[in-house]
Structures are given as C-alpha cells and as structure tokens.
All heavy atoms as atom14 arrays in JSON, in Angstrom:
{
  "sequence": "LSRLVSEPSVDQDRLTRVIEQQRQLIEQIHTINGQLDQQIKT",
  "atom14_mask": [
    [1, 1, 1, 1, 1, 1, 1, 1, 0, 0, 0, 0, 0, 0],
    [1, 1, 1, 1, 1, 1, 0, 0, 0, 0, 0, 0, 0, 0],
    [1, 1, 1, 1, 1, 1, 1, 1, 1, 1, 1, 0, 0, 0],
    [1, 1, 1, 1, 1, 1, 1, 1, 0, 0, 0, 0, 0, 0],
    [1, 1, 1, 1, 1, 1, 1, 0, 0, 0, 0, 0, 0, 0],
    [1, 1, 1, 1, 1, 1, 0, 0, 0, 0, 0, 0, 0, 0],
    [1, 1, 1, 1, 1, 1, 1, 1, 1, 0, 0, 0, 0, 0],
    [1, 1, 1, 1, 1, 1, 1, 0, 0, 0, 0, 0, 0, 0],
    [1, 1, 1, 1, 1, 1, 0, 0, 0, 0, 0, 0, 0, 0],
    [1, 1, 1, 1, 1, 1, 1, 0, 0, 0, 0, 0, 0, 0],
    [1, 1, 1, 1, 1, 1, 1, 1, 0, 0, 0, 0, 0, 0],
    [1, 1, 1, 1, 1, 1, 1, 1, 1, 0, 0, 0, 0, 0],
    [1, 1, 1, 1, 1, 1, 1, 1, 0, 0, 0, 0, 0, 0],
    [1, 1, 1, 1, 1, 1, 1, 1, 1, 1, 1, 0, 0, 0],
    [1, 1, 1, 1, 1, 1, 1, 1, 0, 0, 0, 0, 0, 0],
    [1, 1, 1, 1, 1, 1, 1, 0, 0, 0, 0, 0, 0, 0],
    [1, 1, 1, 1, 1, 1, 1, 1, 1, 1, 1, 0, 0, 0],
    [1, 1, 1, 1, 1, 1, 1, 0, 0, 0, 0, 0, 0, 0],
    [1, 1, 1, 1, 1, 1, 1, 1, 0, 0, 0, 0, 0, 0],
    [1, 1, 1, 1, 1, 1, 1, 1, 1, 0, 0, 0, 0, 0],
    [1, 1, 1, 1, 1, 1, 1, 1, 1, 0, 0, 0, 0, 0],
    [1, 1, 1, 1, 1, 1, 1, 1, 1, 0, 0, 0, 0, 0],
    [1, 1, 1, 1, 1, 1, 1, 1, 1, 1, 1, 0, 0, 0],
    [1, 1, 1, 1, 1, 1, 1, 1, 1, 0, 0, 0, 0, 0],
    [1, 1, 1, 1, 1, 1, 1, 1, 0, 0, 0, 0, 0, 0],
    [1, 1, 1, 1, 1, 1, 1, 1, 0, 0, 0, 0, 0, 0],
    [1, 1, 1, 1, 1, 1, 1, 1, 1, 0, 0, 0, 0, 0],
    [1, 1, 1, 1, 1, 1, 1, 1, 1, 0, 0, 0, 0, 0],
    [1, 1, 1, 1, 1, 1, 1, 1, 0, 0, 0, 0, 0, 0],
    [1, 1, 1, 1, 1, 1, 1, 1, 1, 1, 0, 0, 0, 0],
    [1, 1, 1, 1, 1, 1, 1, 0, 0, 0, 0, 0, 0, 0],
    [1, 1, 1, 1, 1, 1, 1, 1, 0, 0, 0, 0, 0, 0],
    [1, 1, 1, 1, 1, 1, 1, 1, 0, 0, 0, 0, 0, 0],
    [1, 1, 1, 1, 0, 0, 0, 0, 0, 0, 0, 0, 0, 0],
    [1, 1, 1, 1, 1, 1, 1, 1, 1, 0, 0, 0, 0, 0],
    [1, 1, 1, 1, 1, 1, 1, 1, 0, 0, 0, 0, 0, 0],
    [1, 1, 1, 1, 1, 1, 1, 1, 0, 0, 0, 0, 0, 0],
    [1, 1, 1, 1, 1, 1, 1, 1, 1, 0, 0, 0, 0, 0],
    [1, 1, 1, 1, 1, 1, 1, 1, 1, 0, 0, 0, 0, 0],
    [1, 1, 1, 1, 1, 1, 1, 1, 0, 0, 0, 0, 0, 0],
    [1, 1, 1, 1, 1, 1, 1, 1, 1, 0, 0, 0, 0, 0],
    [1, 1, 1, 1, 1, 1, 1, 0, 0, 0, 0, 0, 0, 0]
  ],
  "atom14_positions": [
    [[84.29, 60.28, -17.18], [83.65, 60.25, -18.47], [83.81, 61.56, -19.28], [83.88, 61.57, -20.51], [82.14, 60.02, -18.31], [81.77, 58.54, -17.75], [80.33, 58.46, -17.56], [82.21, 57.51, -18.74], [0.0, 0.0, 0.0], [0.0, 0.0, 0.0], [0.0, 0.0, 0.0], [0.0, 0.0, 0.0], [0.0, 0.0, 0.0], [0.0, 0.0, 0.0]],
    [[83.92, 62.74, -18.51], [84.1, 63.97, -19.16], [85.37, 64.09, -19.9], [85.47, 64.86, -20.87], [83.97, 65.09, -18.1], [82.64, 65.11, -17.56], [0.0, 0.0, 0.0], [0.0, 0.0, 0.0], [0.0, 0.0, 0.0], [0.0, 0.0, 0.0], [0.0, 0.0, 0.0], [0.0, 0.0, 0.0], [0.0, 0.0, 0.0], [0.0, 0.0, 0.0]],
    [[86.37, 63.3, -19.52], [87.6, 63.29, -20.22], [87.57, 62.73, -21.67], [88.4, 62.86, -22.43], [88.64, 62.47, -19.46], [89.16, 63.14, -18.19], [90.34, 62.32, -17.6], [89.97, 61.65, -16.39], [90.65, 60.73, -15.84], [91.72, 60.24, -16.45], [90.22, 60.11, -14.76], [0.0, 0.0, 0.0], [0.0, 0.0, 0.0], [0.0, 0.0, 0.0]],
    [[86.38, 62.07, -21.92], [86.23, 61.48, -23.2], [85.56, 62.39, -24.27], [85.24, 62.07, -25.32], [85.41, 60.15, -23.09], [85.99, 59.08, -22.18], [85.06, 57.92, -22.01], [87.26, 58.63, -22.72], [0.0, 0.0, 0.0], [0.0, 0.0, 0.0], [0.0, 0.0, 0.0], [0.0, 0.0, 0.0], [0.0, 0.0, 0.0], [0.0, 0.0, 0.0]],
    [[85.18, 63.59, -23.79], [84.4, 64.48, -24.65], [85.08, 64.82, -25.98], [84.38, 64.91, -26.99], [84.04, 65.78, -23.84], [83.45, 66.81, -24.79], [83.13, 65.53, -22.7], [0.0, 0.0, 0.0], [0.0, 0.0, 0.0], [0.0, 0.0, 0.0], [0.0, 0.0, 0.0], [0.0, 0.0, 0.0], [0.0, 0.0, 0.0], [0.0, 0.0, 0.0]],
    [[86.42, 64.91, -25.92], [87.13, 65.3, -27.13], [87.58, 64.1, -27.9], [88.32, 64.28, -29.02], [88.32, 66.15, -26.83], [89.17, 65.45, -25.89], [0.0, 0.0, 0.0], [0.0, 0.0, 0.0], [0.0, 0.0, 0.0], [0.0, 0.0, 0.0], [0.0, 0.0, 0.0], [0.0, 0.0, 0.0], [0.0, 0.0, 0.0], [0.0, 0.0, 0.0]],
    [[87.23, 62.83, -27.48], [87.71, 61.65, -28.16], [86.85, 61.43, -29.47], [85.69, 61.26, -29.41], [87.56, 60.37, -27.26], [88.6, 60.33, -26.13], [90.0, 60.07, -26.62], [90.06, 59.47, -27.77], [90.92, 60.42, -25.87], [0.0, 0.0, 0.0], [0.0, 0.0, 0.0], [0.0, 0.0, 0.0], [0.0, 0.0, 0.0], [0.0, 0.0, 0.0]],
    [[87.54, 61.37, -30.61], [86.79, 61.25, -31.88], [86.03, 59.86, -32.05], [85.1, 59.76, -32.78], [87.81, 61.47, -32.97], [89.09, 61.15, -32.37], [88.99, 61.5, -30.86], [0.0, 0.0, 0.0], [0.0, 0.0, 0.0], [0.0, 0.0, 0.0], [0.0, 0.0, 0.0], [0.0, 0.0, 0.0], [0.0, 0.0, 0.0], [0.0, 0.0, 0.0]],
    [[86.59, 58.87, -31.25], [86.05, 57.44, -31.44], [84.85, 57.26, -30.57], [84.22, 56.21, -30.58], [87.09, 56.44, -31.17], [87.6, 56.63, -29.74], [0.0, 0.0, 0.0], [0.0, 0.0, 0.0], [0.0, 0.0, 0.0], [0.0, 0.0, 0.0], [0.0, 0.0, 0.0], [0.0, 0.0, 0.0], [0.0, 0.0, 0.0], [0.0, 0.0, 0.0]],
    [[84.49, 58.23, -29.76], [83.45, 58.13, -28.78], [82.08, 58.68, -29.34], [82.11, 59.75, -29.99], [83.75, 58.86, -27.47], [82.61, 58.97, -26.55], [84.95, 58.18, -26.79], [0.0, 0.0, 0.0], [0.0, 0.0, 0.0], [0.0, 0.0, 0.0], [0.0, 0.0, 0.0], [0.0, 0.0, 0.0], [0.0, 0.0, 0.0], [0.0, 0.0, 0.0]],
    [[81.0, 57.98, -29.16], [79.73, 58.44, -29.53], [79.24, 59.56, -28.48], [78.88, 59.25, -27.45], [78.69, 57.31, -29.4], [77.3, 57.68, -29.88], [76.93, 58.85, -29.76], [76.53, 56.72, -30.32], [0.0, 0.0, 0.0], [0.0, 0.0, 0.0], [0.0, 0.0, 0.0], [0.0, 0.0, 0.0], [0.0, 0.0, 0.0], [0.0, 0.0, 0.0]],
    [[79.51, 60.79, -28.97], [79.26, 61.93, -28.06], [77.91, 62.14, -27.59], [77.56, 62.52, -26.42], [79.8, 63.16, -28.82], [81.33, 63.24, -29.02], [82.1, 63.15, -27.81], [81.74, 63.8, -26.76], [83.25, 62.41, -27.79], [0.0, 0.0, 0.0], [0.0, 0.0, 0.0], [0.0, 0.0, 0.0], [0.0, 0.0, 0.0], [0.0, 0.0, 0.0]],
    [[76.88, 61.8, -28.42], [75.51, 61.91, -28.03], [75.22, 60.82, -26.94], [74.53, 61.22, -25.96], [74.59, 61.6, -29.22], [74.6, 62.71, -30.23], [74.98, 63.89, -29.85], [74.25, 62.47, -31.39], [0.0, 0.0, 0.0], [0.0, 0.0, 0.0], [0.0, 0.0, 0.0], [0.0, 0.0, 0.0], [0.0, 0.0, 0.0], [0.0, 0.0, 0.0]],
    [[75.71, 59.64, -27.1], [75.53, 58.61, -26.09], [76.22, 59.0, -24.73], [75.64, 58.91, -23.68], [76.08, 57.37, -26.58], [75.86, 56.11, -25.71], [76.49, 54.92, -26.26], [75.99, 54.55, -27.61], [75.02, 53.64, -27.85], [74.47, 53.06, -26.8], [74.62, 53.34, -29.01], [0.0, 0.0, 0.0], [0.0, 0.0, 0.0], [0.0, 0.0, 0.0]],
    [[77.46, 59.59, -24.83], [78.22, 59.96, -23.69], [77.47, 61.08, -22.97], [77.38, 61.12, -21.73], [79.58, 60.41, -24.13], [80.47, 60.92, -22.97], [80.77, 59.84, -21.92], [81.83, 61.46, -23.58], [0.0, 0.0, 0.0], [0.0, 0.0, 0.0], [0.0, 0.0, 0.0], [0.0, 0.0, 0.0], [0.0, 0.0, 0.0], [0.0, 0.0, 0.0]],
    [[76.94, 62.11, -23.75], [76.28, 63.23, -23.16], [75.04, 62.82, -22.41], [74.72, 63.29, -21.24], [75.85, 64.26, -24.22], [77.05, 64.7, -24.91], [75.15, 65.44, -23.62], [0.0, 0.0, 0.0], [0.0, 0.0, 0.0], [0.0, 0.0, 0.0], [0.0, 0.0, 0.0], [0.0, 0.0, 0.0], [0.0, 0.0, 0.0], [0.0, 0.0, 0.0]],
    [[74.34, 61.84, -22.94], [73.09, 61.41, -22.15], [73.43, 60.68, -20.91], [72.68, 60.9, -19.93], [72.3, 60.45, -23.18], [71.59, 61.2, -24.38], [70.56, 60.27, -25.01], [71.14, 59.04, -25.54], [71.51, 58.98, -26.88], [71.59, 60.02, -27.58], [72.01, 57.88, -27.26], [0.0, 0.0, 0.0], [0.0, 0.0, 0.0], [0.0, 0.0, 0.0]],
    [[74.43, 59.82, -20.94], [74.93, 59.21, -19.7], [75.32, 60.17, -18.65], [74.85, 60.13, -17.47], [75.99, 58.21, -19.97], [76.55, 57.6, -18.65], [75.48, 57.07, -20.86], [0.0, 0.0, 0.0], [0.0, 0.0, 0.0], [0.0, 0.0, 0.0], [0.0, 0.0, 0.0], [0.0, 0.0, 0.0], [0.0, 0.0, 0.0], [0.0, 0.0, 0.0]],
    [[76.09, 61.19, -19.04], [76.54, 62.17, -18.04], [75.39, 63.0, -17.53], [75.31, 63.26, -16.29], [77.66, 63.13, -18.7], [78.84, 62.3, -18.89], [77.94, 64.31, -17.78], [80.0, 63.08, -19.62], [0.0, 0.0, 0.0], [0.0, 0.0, 0.0], [0.0, 0.0, 0.0], [0.0, 0.0, 0.0], [0.0, 0.0, 0.0], [0.0, 0.0, 0.0]],
    [[74.47, 63.33, -18.41], [73.3, 64.15, -17.95], [72.41, 63.29, -17.01], [71.89, 63.79, -16.06], [72.45, 64.52, -19.21], [71.22, 65.3, -18.87], [71.55, 66.61, -18.13], [72.61, 67.16, -18.27], [70.62, 67.04, -17.34], [0.0, 0.0, 0.0], [0.0, 0.0, 0.0], [0.0, 0.0, 0.0], [0.0, 0.0, 0.0], [0.0, 0.0, 0.0]],
    [[72.32, 62.03, -17.3], [71.58, 61.12, -16.35], [72.2, 61.07, -14.96], [71.52, 61.16, -13.93], [71.48, 59.75, -16.89], [70.58, 58.8, -16.1], [70.51, 57.35, -16.66], [71.26, 57.07, -17.57], [69.73, 56.53, -16.12], [0.0, 0.0, 0.0], [0.0, 0.0, 0.0], [0.0, 0.0, 0.0], [0.0, 0.0, 0.0], [0.0, 0.0, 0.0]],
    [[73.48, 61.05, -14.92], [74.25, 61.03, -13.66], [74.01, 62.36, -12.92], [73.81, 62.3, -11.65], [75.75, 60.86, -13.9], [76.1, 59.41, -14.43], [77.52, 59.35, -14.8], [78.09, 60.12, -15.47], [78.19, 58.23, -14.35], [0.0, 0.0, 0.0], [0.0, 0.0, 0.0], [0.0, 0.0, 0.0], [0.0, 0.0, 0.0], [0.0, 0.0, 0.0]],
    [[74.0, 63.46, -13.56], [73.82, 64.77, -12.92], [72.35, 64.87, -12.41], [72.15, 65.46, -11.4], [74.13, 65.9, -13.99], [75.62, 66.09, -14.22], [75.84, 67.13, -15.23], [77.33, 67.38, -15.37], [77.92, 67.72, -16.53], [77.17, 67.97, -17.64], [79.22, 67.91, -16.52], [0.0, 0.0, 0.0], [0.0, 0.0, 0.0], [0.0, 0.0, 0.0]],
    [[71.42, 64.3, -13.2], [70.07, 64.34, -12.66], [69.86, 63.52, -11.46], [69.13, 63.85, -10.56], [69.13, 63.87, -13.8], [68.95, 64.8, -14.99], [68.17, 64.21, -16.11], [67.65, 63.08, -16.06], [67.96, 64.93, -17.16], [0.0, 0.0, 0.0], [0.0, 0.0, 0.0], [0.0, 0.0, 0.0], [0.0, 0.0, 0.0], [0.0, 0.0, 0.0]],
    [[70.56, 62.41, -11.34], [70.54, 61.56, -10.19], [71.12, 62.26, -9.02], [70.71, 62.05, -7.86], [71.22, 60.22, -10.5], [70.45, 59.22, -11.4], [71.42, 58.09, -11.75], [69.2, 58.76, -10.74], [0.0, 0.0, 0.0], [0.0, 0.0, 0.0], [0.0, 0.0, 0.0], [0.0, 0.0, 0.0], [0.0, 0.0, 0.0], [0.0, 0.0, 0.0]],
    [[72.23, 63.0, -9.2], [72.81, 63.75, -8.13], [71.78, 64.77, -7.53], [71.61, 64.88, -6.26], [74.07, 64.47, -8.5], [75.25, 63.43, -8.8], [74.56, 65.46, -7.45], [76.55, 64.05, -9.46], [0.0, 0.0, 0.0], [0.0, 0.0, 0.0], [0.0, 0.0, 0.0], [0.0, 0.0, 0.0], [0.0, 0.0, 0.0], [0.0, 0.0, 0.0]],
    [[71.13, 65.51, -8.4], [70.09, 66.45, -8.04], [68.94, 65.74, -7.34], [68.43, 66.25, -6.34], [69.53, 67.26, -9.26], [70.54, 68.16, -9.9], [70.97, 69.26, -8.85], [70.1, 69.76, -8.15], [72.24, 69.49, -8.76], [0.0, 0.0, 0.0], [0.0, 0.0, 0.0], [0.0, 0.0, 0.0], [0.0, 0.0, 0.0], [0.0, 0.0, 0.0]],
    [[68.58, 64.52, -7.84], [67.51, 63.73, -7.19], [67.9, 63.38, -5.81], [67.04, 63.43, -4.88], [67.23, 62.53, -8.02], [66.13, 61.63, -7.56], [65.83, 60.52, -8.54], [65.51, 60.77, -9.66], [66.01, 59.28, -8.03], [0.0, 0.0, 0.0], [0.0, 0.0, 0.0], [0.0, 0.0, 0.0], [0.0, 0.0, 0.0], [0.0, 0.0, 0.0]],
    [[69.12, 63.02, -5.55], [69.55, 62.62, -4.21], [69.66, 63.8, -3.29], [69.31, 63.79, -2.13], [70.98, 61.88, -4.28], [70.88, 60.58, -5.06], [71.48, 61.7, -2.83], [72.21, 60.04, -5.42], [0.0, 0.0, 0.0], [0.0, 0.0, 0.0], [0.0, 0.0, 0.0], [0.0, 0.0, 0.0], [0.0, 0.0, 0.0], [0.0, 0.0, 0.0]],
    [[69.96, 65.01, -3.86], [70.0, 66.26, -3.1], [68.63, 66.64, -2.56], [68.5, 67.18, -1.45], [70.51, 67.35, -3.99], [72.01, 67.62, -3.86], [72.61, 67.9, -2.61], [72.89, 67.62, -4.78], [73.89, 68.07, -2.95], [74.15, 67.95, -4.15], [0.0, 0.0, 0.0], [0.0, 0.0, 0.0], [0.0, 0.0, 0.0], [0.0, 0.0, 0.0]],
    [[67.53, 66.23, -3.31], [66.24, 66.66, -2.95], [65.67, 65.75, -1.84], [64.57, 66.07, -1.26], [65.23, 66.54, -4.09], [65.14, 65.2, -4.6], [65.69, 67.45, -5.19], [0.0, 0.0, 0.0], [0.0, 0.0, 0.0], [0.0, 0.0, 0.0], [0.0, 0.0, 0.0], [0.0, 0.0, 0.0], [0.0, 0.0, 0.0], [0.0, 0.0, 0.0]],
    [[66.33, 64.63, -1.44], [65.9, 63.78, -0.41], [66.23, 64.42, 0.95], [67.48, 64.53, 1.33], [66.49, 62.35, -0.44], [66.19, 61.73, -1.73], [66.03, 61.53, 0.7], [66.87, 60.36, -1.96], [0.0, 0.0, 0.0], [0.0, 0.0, 0.0], [0.0, 0.0, 0.0], [0.0, 0.0, 0.0], [0.0, 0.0, 0.0], [0.0, 0.0, 0.0]],
    [[65.28, 64.98, 1.65], [65.57, 65.71, 2.89], [65.75, 64.83, 4.12], [65.14, 63.81, 4.2], [64.27, 66.61, 3.18], [64.08, 67.71, 2.14], [65.08, 68.28, 1.59], [62.9, 67.87, 1.8], [0.0, 0.0, 0.0], [0.0, 0.0, 0.0], [0.0, 0.0, 0.0], [0.0, 0.0, 0.0], [0.0, 0.0, 0.0], [0.0, 0.0, 0.0]],
    [[66.75, 65.17, 4.89], [67.08, 64.43, 6.15], [67.61, 63.05, 5.79], [68.06, 62.7, 4.71], [0.0, 0.0, 0.0], [0.0, 0.0, 0.0], [0.0, 0.0, 0.0], [0.0, 0.0, 0.0], [0.0, 0.0, 0.0], [0.0, 0.0, 0.0], [0.0, 0.0, 0.0], [0.0, 0.0, 0.0], [0.0, 0.0, 0.0], [0.0, 0.0, 0.0]],
    [[67.58, 62.26, 6.82], [68.09, 60.89, 6.77], [67.1, 60.01, 5.94], [65.91, 60.24, 5.86], [68.35, 60.22, 8.14], [69.39, 60.98, 8.87], [69.6, 60.33, 10.29], [68.71, 59.73, 10.81], [70.74, 60.56, 10.89], [0.0, 0.0, 0.0], [0.0, 0.0, 0.0], [0.0, 0.0, 0.0], [0.0, 0.0, 0.0], [0.0, 0.0, 0.0]],
    [[67.6, 58.94, 5.34], [66.75, 58.08, 4.55], [65.58, 57.43, 5.31], [64.56, 57.16, 4.75], [67.6, 56.96, 3.89], [68.65, 57.56, 2.78], [69.54, 56.41, 2.39], [67.93, 58.13, 1.64], [0.0, 0.0, 0.0], [0.0, 0.0, 0.0], [0.0, 0.0, 0.0], [0.0, 0.0, 0.0], [0.0, 0.0, 0.0], [0.0, 0.0, 0.0]],
    [[65.84, 57.22, 6.61], [64.8, 56.55, 7.4], [63.97, 57.51, 8.21], [63.3, 57.14, 9.19], [65.5, 55.47, 8.37], [66.4, 56.17, 9.4], [66.71, 57.35, 9.19], [66.73, 55.45, 10.39], [0.0, 0.0, 0.0], [0.0, 0.0, 0.0], [0.0, 0.0, 0.0], [0.0, 0.0, 0.0], [0.0, 0.0, 0.0], [0.0, 0.0, 0.0]],
    [[64.06, 58.79, 7.88], [63.37, 59.8, 8.68], [61.9, 59.56, 8.79], [61.34, 59.7, 9.88], [63.58, 61.2, 8.1], [63.17, 62.34, 8.91], [63.63, 63.71, 8.39], [64.32, 63.74, 7.44], [63.13, 64.82, 9.05], [0.0, 0.0, 0.0], [0.0, 0.0, 0.0], [0.0, 0.0, 0.0], [0.0, 0.0, 0.0], [0.0, 0.0, 0.0]],
    [[61.26, 59.17, 7.72], [59.78, 58.92, 7.75], [59.41, 57.65, 8.59], [58.47, 57.64, 9.38], [59.28, 58.75, 6.3], [57.77, 58.46, 6.28], [57.31, 58.18, 4.91], [58.07, 58.37, 3.86], [56.1, 57.73, 4.71], [0.0, 0.0, 0.0], [0.0, 0.0, 0.0], [0.0, 0.0, 0.0], [0.0, 0.0, 0.0], [0.0, 0.0, 0.0]],
    [[60.33, 56.62, 8.48], [60.02, 55.42, 9.08], [60.27, 55.37, 10.66], [59.53, 54.84, 11.47], [60.79, 54.29, 8.45], [60.51, 54.13, 7.0], [60.52, 52.88, 9.15], [61.24, 53.12, 6.23], [0.0, 0.0, 0.0], [0.0, 0.0, 0.0], [0.0, 0.0, 0.0], [0.0, 0.0, 0.0], [0.0, 0.0, 0.0], [0.0, 0.0, 0.0]],
    [[61.39, 56.05, 11.02], [61.8, 55.95, 12.41], [60.83, 56.6, 13.4], [60.88, 56.47, 14.62], [63.17, 56.54, 12.59], [63.36, 58.0, 12.5], [64.81, 58.4, 12.59], [65.03, 59.9, 12.48], [66.49, 60.26, 12.62], [0.0, 0.0, 0.0], [0.0, 0.0, 0.0], [0.0, 0.0, 0.0], [0.0, 0.0, 0.0], [0.0, 0.0, 0.0]],
    [[59.92, 57.48, 12.83], [58.93, 58.13, 13.69], [57.65, 57.42, 13.64], [56.66, 57.79, 14.27], [58.68, 59.6, 13.23], [58.27, 59.56, 11.83], [59.96, 60.46, 13.36], [0.0, 0.0, 0.0], [0.0, 0.0, 0.0], [0.0, 0.0, 0.0], [0.0, 0.0, 0.0], [0.0, 0.0, 0.0], [0.0, 0.0, 0.0], [0.0, 0.0, 0.0]]
  ]
}
C-alpha cells in the first residue's frame, strides 16, 4: 500500500488511515504476551 503514496489518483487520506490502522494492529499483537492460550492452559 505504501507504494501508492505518490499516486495522484489515490485518496491519500483514506490510504493513510488504512496504513495507520494496520500499524496499530501490529503494535496491538506485539503487546500480547506469550502464547495465545497461555491464560487458558493453566
């Protein structure tokens, strides 16, 4: 998606919001400590 930043036909505000949402989700996944079933398996 970042390759489209310079495309004049692209809604840059819309594109920026989507990319920012993806980056926030990566950070959110990073904050999940340990394995996904860590709480349940004990």
